[in-house]
PDB file of N, CA and C in Angstrom:
ATOM      1  N   MET A   1      85.973  72.269 106.751  1.00  0.00           N
ATOM      2  CA  MET A   1      85.293  73.409 106.176  1.00  0.00           C
ATOM      3  C   MET A   1      85.456  73.350 104.655  1.00  0.00           C
ATOM      4  N   ALA A   2      84.414  73.629 103.952  1.00  0.00           N
ATOM      5  CA  ALA A   2      84.435  73.614 102.495  1.00  0.00           C
ATOM      6  C   ALA A   2      85.108  74.879 101.957  1.00  0.00           C
ATOM      7  N   SER A   3      85.511  74.799 100.724  1.00  0.00           N
ATOM      8  CA  SER A   3      86.125  75.934 100.052  1.00  0.00           C
ATOM      9  C   SER A   3      85.042  76.785  99.381  1.00  0.00           C
ATOM     10  N   ILE A   4      85.460  77.857  98.740  1.00  0.00           N
ATOM     11  CA  ILE A   4      84.547  78.763  98.044  1.00  0.00           C
ATOM     12  C   ILE A   4      83.801  78.049  96.920  1.00  0.00           C
ATOM     13  N   SER A   5      84.401  77.005  96.397  1.00  0.00           N
ATOM     14  CA  SER A   5      83.798  76.243  95.312  1.00  0.00           C
ATOM     15  C   SER A   5      83.972  74.756  95.607  1.00  0.00           C
ATOM     16  N   PRO A   6      82.958  73.948  95.332  1.00  0.00           N
ATOM     17  CA  PRO A   6      83.099  72.507  95.569  1.00  0.00           C
ATOM     18  C   PRO A   6      84.302  71.899  94.842  1.00  0.00           C
ATOM     19  N   GLU A   7      84.643  72.465  93.688  1.00  0.00           N
ATOM     20  CA  GLU A   7      85.779  71.949  92.924  1.00  0.00           C
ATOM     21  C   GLU A   7      87.102  72.159  93.654  1.00  0.00           C
ATOM     22  N   CYS A   8      87.141  73.093  94.581  1.00  0.00           N
ATOM     23  CA  CYS A   8      88.374  73.423  95.299  1.00  0.00           C
ATOM     24  C   CYS A   8      88.482  72.740  96.658  1.00  0.00           C
ATOM     25  N   THR A   9      87.416  72.126  97.112  1.00  0.00           N
ATOM     26  CA  THR A   9      87.395  71.595  98.475  1.00  0.00           C
ATOM     27  C   THR A   9      88.449  70.515  98.705  1.00  0.00           C
ATOM     28  N   GLU A  10      88.634  69.623  97.759  1.00  0.00           N
ATOM     29  CA  GLU A  10      89.640  68.570  97.945  1.00  0.00           C
ATOM     30  C   GLU A  10      91.047  69.159  98.014  1.00  0.00           C
ATOM     31  N   LEU A  11      91.335  70.146  97.164  1.00  0.00           N
ATOM     32  CA  LEU A  11      92.642  70.815  97.228  1.00  0.00           C
ATOM     33  C   LEU A  11      92.822  71.537  98.557  1.00  0.00           C
ATOM     34  N   LYS A  12      91.742  72.122  99.058  1.00  0.00           N
ATOM     35  CA  LYS A  12      91.813  72.802 100.351  1.00  0.00           C
ATOM     36  C   LYS A  12      92.148  71.810 101.451  1.00  0.00           C
ATOM     37  N   LYS A  13      91.514  70.656 101.439  1.00  0.00           N
ATOM     38  CA  LYS A  13      91.789  69.632 102.444  1.00  0.00           C
ATOM     39  C   LYS A  13      93.245  69.182 102.367  1.00  0.00           C
ATOM     40  N   LEU A  14      93.735  68.954 101.155  1.00  0.00           N
ATOM     41  CA  LEU A  14      95.132  68.551 100.985  1.00  0.00           C
ATOM     42  C   LEU A  14      96.086  69.620 101.501  1.00  0.00           C
ATOM     43  N   TYR A  15      95.795  70.864 101.163  1.00  0.00           N
ATOM     44  CA  TYR A  15      96.652  71.945 101.638  1.00  0.00           C
ATOM     45  C   TYR A  15      96.589  72.082 103.152  1.00  0.00           C
ATOM     46  N   ASP A  16      95.401  72.047 103.725  1.00  0.00           N
ATOM     47  CA  ASP A  16      95.257  72.158 105.176  1.00  0.00           C
ATOM     48  C   ASP A  16      96.037  71.050 105.892  1.00  0.00           C
ATOM     49  N   GLU A  17      95.930  69.827 105.390  1.00  0.00           N
ATOM     50  CA  GLU A  17      96.662  68.709 105.988  1.00  0.00           C
ATOM     51  C   GLU A  17      98.165  68.919 105.877  1.00  0.00           C
ATOM     52  N   CYS A  18      98.623  69.332 104.706  1.00  0.00           N
ATOM     53  CA  CYS A  18     100.044  69.579 104.491  1.00  0.00           C
ATOM     54  C   CYS A  18     100.532  70.699 105.406  1.00  0.00           C
ATOM     55  N   PHE A  19      99.793  71.796 105.449  1.00  0.00           N
ATOM     56  CA  PHE A  19     100.196  72.937 106.270  1.00  0.00           C
ATOM     57  C   PHE A  19     100.248  72.564 107.748  1.00  0.00           C
ATOM     58  N   ASN A  20      99.222  71.895 108.244  1.00  0.00           N
ATOM     59  CA  ASN A  20      99.191  71.532 109.663  1.00  0.00           C
ATOM     60  C   ASN A  20     100.350  70.609 110.028  1.00  0.00           C
ATOM     61  N   LYS A  21     100.644  69.653 109.156  1.00  0.00           N
ATOM     62  CA  LYS A  21     101.771  68.750 109.397  1.00  0.00           C
ATOM     63  C   LYS A  21     103.088  69.530 109.369  1.00  0.00           C
ATOM     64  N   TRP A  22     103.267  70.380 108.362  1.00  0.00           N
ATOM     65  CA  TRP A  22     104.488  71.186 108.238  1.00  0.00           C
ATOM     66  C   TRP A  22     104.650  72.104 109.447  1.00  0.00           C
ATOM     67  N   TYR A  23     103.587  72.770 109.831  1.00  0.00           N
ATOM     68  CA  TYR A  23     103.653  73.730 110.927  1.00  0.00           C
ATOM     69  C   TYR A  23     104.068  73.051 112.233  1.00  0.00           C
ATOM     70  N   SER A  24     103.426  71.937 112.541  1.00  0.00           N
ATOM     71  CA  SER A  24     103.693  71.286 113.823  1.00  0.00           C
ATOM     72  C   SER A  24     105.013  70.531 113.842  1.00  0.00           C
ATOM     73  N   SER A  25     105.411  69.937 112.720  1.00  0.00           N
ATOM     74  CA  SER A  25     106.618  69.121 112.742  1.00  0.00           C
ATOM     75  C   SER A  25     107.869  69.832 112.239  1.00  0.00           C
ATOM     76  N   LYS A  26     107.718  70.880 111.457  1.00  0.00           N
ATOM     77  CA  LYS A  26     108.898  71.548 110.896  1.00  0.00           C
ATOM     78  C   LYS A  26     109.025  73.002 111.343  1.00  0.00           C
ATOM     79  N   PHE A  27     107.997  73.790 111.096  1.00  0.00           N
ATOM     80  CA  PHE A  27     108.090  75.225 111.388  1.00  0.00           C
ATOM     81  C   PHE A  27     108.391  75.481 112.861  1.00  0.00           C
ATOM     82  N   LEU A  28     107.690  74.810 113.738  1.00  0.00           N
ATOM     83  CA  LEU A  28     107.920  75.016 115.171  1.00  0.00           C
ATOM     84  C   LEU A  28     109.305  74.550 115.605  1.00  0.00           C
ATOM     85  N   ALA A  29     109.959  73.737 114.772  1.00  0.00           N
ATOM     86  CA  ALA A  29     111.325  73.285 115.042  1.00  0.00           C
ATOM     87  C   ALA A  29     112.355  74.186 114.348  1.00  0.00           C
ATOM     88  N   GLY A  30     111.881  75.250 113.708  1.00  0.00           N
ATOM     89  CA  GLY A  30     112.791  76.196 113.067  1.00  0.00           C
ATOM     90  C   GLY A  30     113.016  75.984 111.583  1.00  0.00           C
ATOM     91  N   ASN A  31     112.365  75.020 110.981  1.00  0.00           N
ATOM     92  CA  ASN A  31     112.516  74.748 109.553  1.00  0.00           C
ATOM     93  C   ASN A  31     111.463  75.546 108.795  1.00  0.00           C
ATOM     94  N   VAL A  32     111.902  76.477 107.965  1.00  0.00           N
ATOM     95  CA  VAL A  32     110.966  77.331 107.228  1.00  0.00           C
ATOM     96  C   VAL A  32     110.883  76.937 105.751  1.00  0.00           C
ATOM     97  N   SER A  33     111.103  75.676 105.463  1.00  0.00           N
ATOM     98  CA  SER A  33     111.007  75.186 104.087  1.00  0.00           C
ATOM     99  C   SER A  33     109.602  75.410 103.540  1.00  0.00           C
ATOM    100  N   GLN A  34     109.476  75.351 102.248  1.00  0.00           N
ATOM    101  CA  GLN A  34     108.195  75.602 101.573  1.00  0.00           C
ATOM    102  C   GLN A  34     107.564  74.290 101.113  1.00  0.00           C
ATOM    103  N   ASP A  35     107.344  73.371 102.029  1.00  0.00           N
ATOM    104  CA  ASP A  35     106.870  72.025 101.691  1.00  0.00           C
ATOM    105  C   ASP A  35     105.523  71.992 100.978  1.00  0.00           C
ATOM    106  N   CYS A  36     104.647  72.915 101.250  1.00  0.00           N
ATOM    107  CA  CYS A  36     103.277  72.863 100.736  1.00  0.00           C
ATOM    108  C   CYS A  36     103.036  73.826  99.576  1.00  0.00           C
ATOM    109  N   GLU A  37     104.086  74.406  99.056  1.00  0.00           N
ATOM    110  CA  GLU A  37     103.943  75.452  98.042  1.00  0.00           C
ATOM    111  C   GLU A  37     103.217  74.965  96.782  1.00  0.00           C
ATOM    112  N   ASP A  38     103.549  73.785  96.306  1.00  0.00           N
ATOM    113  CA  ASP A  38     102.911  73.281  95.078  1.00  0.00           C
ATOM    114  C   ASP A  38     101.410  73.097  95.260  1.00  0.00           C
ATOM    115  N   ILE A  39     101.019  72.509  96.388  1.00  0.00           N
ATOM    116  CA  ILE A  39      99.590  72.317  96.662  1.00  0.00           C
ATOM    117  C   ILE A  39      98.900  73.673  96.825  1.00  0.00           C
ATOM    118  N   PHE A  40      99.584  74.600  97.517  1.00  0.00           N
ATOM    119  CA  PHE A  40      99.005  75.930  97.708  1.00  0.00           C
ATOM    120  C   PHE A  40      98.755  76.622  96.372  1.00  0.00           C
ATOM    121  N   LYS A  41      99.701  76.541  95.453  1.00  0.00           N
ATOM    122  CA  LYS A  41      99.537  77.186  94.144  1.00  0.00           C
ATOM    123  C   LYS A  41      98.339  76.610  93.394  1.00  0.00           C
ATOM    124  N   LEU A  42      98.162  75.299  93.457  1.00  0.00           N
ATOM    125  CA  LEU A  42      97.005  74.673  92.803  1.00  0.00           C
ATOM    126  C   LEU A  42      95.701  75.135  93.454  1.00  0.00           C
ATOM    127  N   TYR A  43      95.695  75.160  94.769  1.00  0.00           N
ATOM    128  CA  TYR A  43      94.494  75.596  95.494  1.00  0.00           C
ATOM    129  C   TYR A  43      94.183  77.057  95.205  1.00  0.00           C
ATOM    130  N   ARG A  44      95.204  77.908  95.248  1.00  0.00           N
ATOM    131  CA  ARG A  44      95.008  79.338  94.972  1.00  0.00           C
ATOM    132  C   ARG A  44      94.446  79.543  93.565  1.00  0.00           C
ATOM    133  N   ALA A  45      94.970  78.828  92.585  1.00  0.00           N
ATOM    134  CA  ALA A  45      94.470  78.949  91.213  1.00  0.00           C
ATOM    135  C   ALA A  45      93.001  78.532  91.131  1.00  0.00           C
ATOM    136  N   CYS A  46      92.647  77.481  91.842  1.00  0.00           N
ATOM    137  CA  CYS A  46      91.256  77.030  91.855  1.00  0.00           C
ATOM    138  C   CYS A  46      90.352  78.075  92.495  1.00  0.00           C
ATOM    139  N   VAL A  47      90.799  78.649  93.604  1.00  0.00           N
ATOM    140  CA  VAL A  47      90.012  79.677  94.296  1.00  0.00           C
ATOM    141  C   VAL A  47      89.833  80.900  93.405  1.00  0.00           C
ATOM    142  N   TRP A  48      90.907  81.352  92.758  1.00  0.00           N
ATOM    143  CA  TRP A  48      90.784  82.534  91.892  1.00  0.00           C
ATOM    144  C   TRP A  48      89.870  82.263  90.699  1.00  0.00           C
ATOM    145  N   LYS A  49      89.899  81.032  90.193  1.00  0.00           N
ATOM    146  CA  LYS A  49      88.976  80.676  89.102  1.00  0.00           C
ATOM    147  C   LYS A  49      87.531  80.815  89.592  1.00  0.00           C
ATOM    148  N   ALA A  50      87.253  80.296  90.779  1.00  0.00           N
ATOM    149  CA  ALA A  50      85.903  80.390  91.345  1.00  0.00           C
ATOM    150  C   ALA A  50      85.524  81.842  91.614  1.00  0.00           C
ATOM    151  N   ILE A  51      86.463  82.626  92.104  1.00  0.00           N
ATOM    152  CA  ILE A  51      86.214  84.049  92.360  1.00  0.00           C
ATOM    153  C   ILE A  51      85.817  84.756  91.069  1.00  0.00           C
ATOM    154  N   LYS A  52      86.533  84.458  89.997  1.00  0.00           N
ATOM    155  CA  LYS A  52      86.220  85.084  88.706  1.00  0.00           C
ATOM    156  C   LYS A  52      84.868  84.610  88.168  1.00  0.00           C
ATOM    157  N   GLU A  53      84.577  83.319  88.319  1.00  0.00           N
ATOM    158  CA  GLU A  53      83.305  82.790  87.834  1.00  0.00           C
ATOM    159  C   GLU A  53      82.116  83.391  88.574  1.00  0.00           C
ATOM    160  N   LYS A  54      82.315  83.749  89.833  1.00  0.00           N
ATOM    161  CA  LYS A  54      81.239  84.332  90.635  1.00  0.00           C
ATOM    162  C   LYS A  54      81.263  85.867  90.599  1.00  0.00           C
ATOM    163  N   ASN A  55      82.147  86.413  89.775  1.00  0.00           N
ATOM    164  CA  ASN A  55      82.317  87.864  89.625  1.00  0.00           C
ATOM    165  C   ASN A  55      82.686  88.566  90.927  1.00  0.00           C
ATOM    166  N   ILE A  56      83.308  87.839  91.818  1.00  0.00           N
ATOM    167  CA  ILE A  56      83.781  88.433  93.066  1.00  0.00           C
ATOM    168  C   ILE A  56      85.058  89.224  92.813  1.00  0.00           C
ATOM    169  N   ASP A  57      85.773  88.891  91.739  1.00  0.00           N
ATOM    170  CA  ASP A  57      87.010  89.608  91.439  1.00  0.00           C
ATOM    171  C   ASP A  57      86.751  91.098  91.216  1.00  0.00           C
ATOM    172  N   GLN A  58      85.608  91.432  90.650  1.00  0.00           N
ATOM    173  CA  GLN A  58      85.283  92.846  90.453  1.00  0.00           C
ATOM    174  C   GLN A  58      85.061  93.542  91.792  1.00  0.00           C
ATOM    175  N   LEU A  59      84.432  92.857  92.725  1.00  0.00           N
ATOM    176  CA  LEU A  59      84.248  93.424  94.069  1.00  0.00           C
ATOM    177  C   LEU A  59      85.596  93.658  94.748  1.00  0.00           C
ATOM    178  N   ILE A  60      86.511  92.722  94.573  1.00  0.00           N
ATOM    179  CA  ILE A  60      87.852  92.868  95.153  1.00  0.00           C
ATOM    180  C   ILE A  60      88.562  94.066  94.530  1.00  0.00           C
ATOM    181  N   ASN A  61      88.487  94.169  93.210  1.00  0.00           N
ATOM    182  CA  ASN A  61      89.128  95.305  92.523  1.00  0.00           C
ATOM    183  C   ASN A  61      88.521  96.635  92.962  1.00  0.00           C
ATOM    184  N   ASP A  62      87.202  96.680  93.088  1.00  0.00           N
ATOM    185  CA  ASP A  62      86.540  97.908  93.545  1.00  0.00           C
ATOM    186  C   ASP A  62      86.975  98.272  94.961  1.00  0.00           C
ATOM    187  N   ALA A  63      87.063  97.284  95.823  1.00  0.00           N
ATOM    188  CA  ALA A  63      87.481  97.529  97.207  1.00  0.00           C
ATOM    189  C   ALA A  63      88.907  98.051  97.252  1.00  0.00           C
ATOM    190  N   ARG A  64      89.770  97.524  96.411  1.00  0.00           N
ATOM    191  CA  ARG A  64      91.162  97.985  96.378  1.00  0.00           C
ATOM    192  C   ARG A  64      91.248  99.426  95.879  1.00  0.00           C
ATOM    193  N   LYS A  65      90.355  99.808  94.979  1.00  0.00           N
ATOM    194  CA  LYS A  65      90.351 101.194  94.498  1.00  0.00           C
ATOM    195  C   LYS A  65      89.898 102.143  95.597  1.00  0.00           C
ATOM    196  N   GLU A  66      88.921 101.709  96.383  1.00  0.00           N
ATOM    197  CA  GLU A  66      88.398 102.547  97.459  1.00  0.00           C
ATOM    198  C   GLU A  66      89.372 102.657  98.625  1.00  0.00           C
ATOM    199  N   ARG A  67      90.070 101.599  98.925  1.00  0.00           N
ATOM    200  CA  ARG A  67      91.007 101.566 100.049  1.00  0.00           C
ATOM    201  C   ARG A  67      92.184 100.674  99.655  1.00  0.00           C
ATOM    202  N   PRO A  68      93.052 101.161  98.788  1.00  0.00           N
ATOM    203  CA  PRO A  68      94.169 100.325  98.313  1.00  0.00           C
ATOM    204  C   PRO A  68      95.106  99.947  99.454  1.00  0.00           C
ATOM    205  N   PHE A  69      95.733  98.811  99.299  1.00  0.00           N
ATOM    206  CA  PHE A  69      96.715  98.359 100.277  1.00  0.00           C
ATOM    207  C   PHE A  69      97.901  99.304 100.283  1.00  0.00           C
ATOM    208  N   HIS A  70      98.499  99.459 101.434  1.00  0.00           N
ATOM    209  CA  HIS A  70      99.698 100.292 101.521  1.00  0.00           C
ATOM    210  C   HIS A  70     100.871  99.597 100.856  1.00  0.00           C
ATOM    211  N   ASP A  71     100.968  98.292 101.034  1.00  0.00           N
ATOM    212  CA  ASP A  71     101.988  97.502 100.357  1.00  0.00           C
ATOM    213  C   ASP A  71     101.341  96.855  99.141  1.00  0.00           C
ATOM    214  N   GLU A  72     102.132  96.602  98.153  1.00  0.00           N
ATOM    215  CA  GLU A  72     101.603  95.987  96.952  1.00  0.00           C
ATOM    216  C   GLU A  72     101.108  94.569  97.265  1.00  0.00           C
ATOM    217  N   ALA A  73      99.874  94.295  96.920  1.00  0.00           N
ATOM    218  CA  ALA A  73      99.306  92.972  97.133  1.00  0.00           C
ATOM    219  C   ALA A  73      99.742  92.060  95.998  1.00  0.00           C
ATOM    220  N   PRO A  74      99.899  90.763  96.270  1.00  0.00           N
ATOM    221  CA  PRO A  74     100.253  89.837  95.199  1.00  0.00           C
ATOM    222  C   PRO A  74      99.125  89.762  94.174  1.00  0.00           C
ATOM    223  N   SER A  75      99.491  89.686  92.945  1.00  0.00           N
ATOM    224  CA  SER A  75      98.500  89.579  91.874  1.00  0.00           C
ATOM    225  C   SER A  75      97.929  88.174  91.847  1.00  0.00           C
ATOM    226  N   PRO A  76      96.677  88.050  91.449  1.00  0.00           N
ATOM    227  CA  PRO A  76      96.115  86.691  91.318  1.00  0.00           C
ATOM    228  C   PRO A  76      96.822  85.956  90.182  1.00  0.00           C
ATOM    229  N   PRO A  77      96.863  84.639  90.240  1.00  0.00           N
ATOM    230  CA  PRO A  77      97.510  83.895  89.171  1.00  0.00           C
ATOM    231  C   PRO A  77      96.796  84.112  87.850  1.00  0.00           C
ATOM    232  N   SER A  78      97.537  84.074  86.786  1.00  0.00           N
ATOM    233  CA  SER A  78      96.920  84.288  85.468  1.00  0.00           C
ATOM    234  C   SER A  78      96.553  82.992  84.808  1.00  0.00           C
TER     235      SER A  78
END
């Protein structure tokens, strides 16, 4: 499956592969290490960049004002 932006698709594939490998070989064995964190941060930054370029961030902010989360949501990367 492609990402929100073509520029992010390769990072998404890398993250998906890392996550699936980690989940099946480590997490299910009780290891909760953060093996894919670096790739995830790169992918998340790419996605947020695309969200901002498409002005979807304003829609997200508006939705949060209308129905804010009960718990504090993580801020997008700067």
